[in-house]
C-alpha cells in the first residue's frame, strides 16, 4: 500500500489550505511522504514540491502563462506515475485539476477533490465532470454539499480552513500590531491587492491613490499592505516603493494578522473577504479585470455578487466596487461611511457573525486528513 499523498494547489489561497492539510496529515501519519504542486507554505509544511504555483485567471492572463501551466501539468503527470500516491488531493484550480484527475483515474489512483470550484456561479456542467473523475469531494461552503449530493458522489461540508489560521492568532491584538511594526494606539487601514498578476497590476495604483487621499483627511491612520507569499515582489518594486514613500508598511505574508488588527480594509475580491468577515473587520471590496475578460464573465457568471460574504448572506452586506467604479474617490467614500455611520458598521459586523455560525466547531484540515485515511484504508496513529 502506498504511503504517499499528493496535493495539487494552483494559487495562494489553495496553497494555504494545502499547507494546513499537510500539517494535519503529518500529525496523524508522520511517516507519510507528501508531494505536490504548491508554494512556500506547503514546502514549509513538509511537502516535497515537484512544481510551483502557476495559476492564471482570465483570457489574457492564461495566454501569457500557457507554457508554465503546460510544463506544470507534464510534471504532475510524471509525478503521478513515479510516486503512485494512495490519494491525490486536488484543491480548487479546476481547469488544471480536472485534467489531473482524469490522468489519475487512468492510473487507478484515488482522487479527493478538496475545495470545489465555483460551480454555483458559472460552468455548472463541471459538477457532473468532477463527480465522474473524483472518488470523494470535500467542500468548504455549506450550500455546496447539496449541489454535489444530487450526482450520487460522496460529498461532505468540512468547514473552512481559514478559521484554523484565525484560531492560531494571539488573543492580544497589541502583540500582533507590534510584530507588524504598527503602533498599538493608532487605527489601521489594511489594503489587500490580491495575489494574481492581473489583480496586482490593476489594483496597486488604485490603492496608492486611496492611501494618498485617505490620509489627507485622516492623518492619524496607519496603513498596511500584506503581499501574498508567492508573489515575486521584485516585479512590483515600483508600486511597493510608492506605497512605502506614503508611509505604508508593506510585508510579505501576514494578511491574516493585518486583518485581525485592522479597523477597516480594502480588499480584492477573494478568500481575504471571508477572512476579514470572520475577523469582524469591516471592508470595501474592489476588483478589476482585463475588459474583455470582464465582459465575457458578465455573460457567463450567474451570481449577483462577487464577494463570498455577500453571496453567503444573500444580500449586499459589504460594498462591491468593480471595474471603473474601483477608484479612490468611491473607495474613500465607502470607508468614511464605515467610520462615521455606527449603525451601518454594526449591521455589517452582525451579518459577519451570522455567516460565521455555519462554520463554527469544524476542523476542516483534520477532517480532510481523515477522509484521506478512509480512501487509502489507513488507520490513524492516534485519536483526534
Foldseek 3Di string as FASTA:
>chain_A
DALEEEEEDADQVLQVLLLLLLLLLCVFPVPRAYEYEEDDSNVVSRYHYPYYHQDFDFDVRCVVRVVNLVVRLVSLLVVCVVRVHQEYEYEERPVRVLVSLVSCVVVVHAYEYEAYHPCVWFPVVVLLSCQVSHQEYEHAAVVVQVSNVVNVHHYYDQHDCLVVVLVPDDPDLCVLCVVLVHHSVFAEEEEEQDAHPQSCVPCLVQVLQLLVVQCVPVVRYAYEYEYEQPHPCVVVVVSVVSCVVSVYRYYYDCLLSRLLRHQEYEYEADPSLLSNLLSLRAYAYEYEDDVVRVVVSVVGTDDPDRHPLCVLLVHPLHHYQYHPRSHNVNRSVSVVCCVPPVVSSVSSNVSSVVSCVVRPPGDRSNVVSVVSCVSSVHDTPDDD
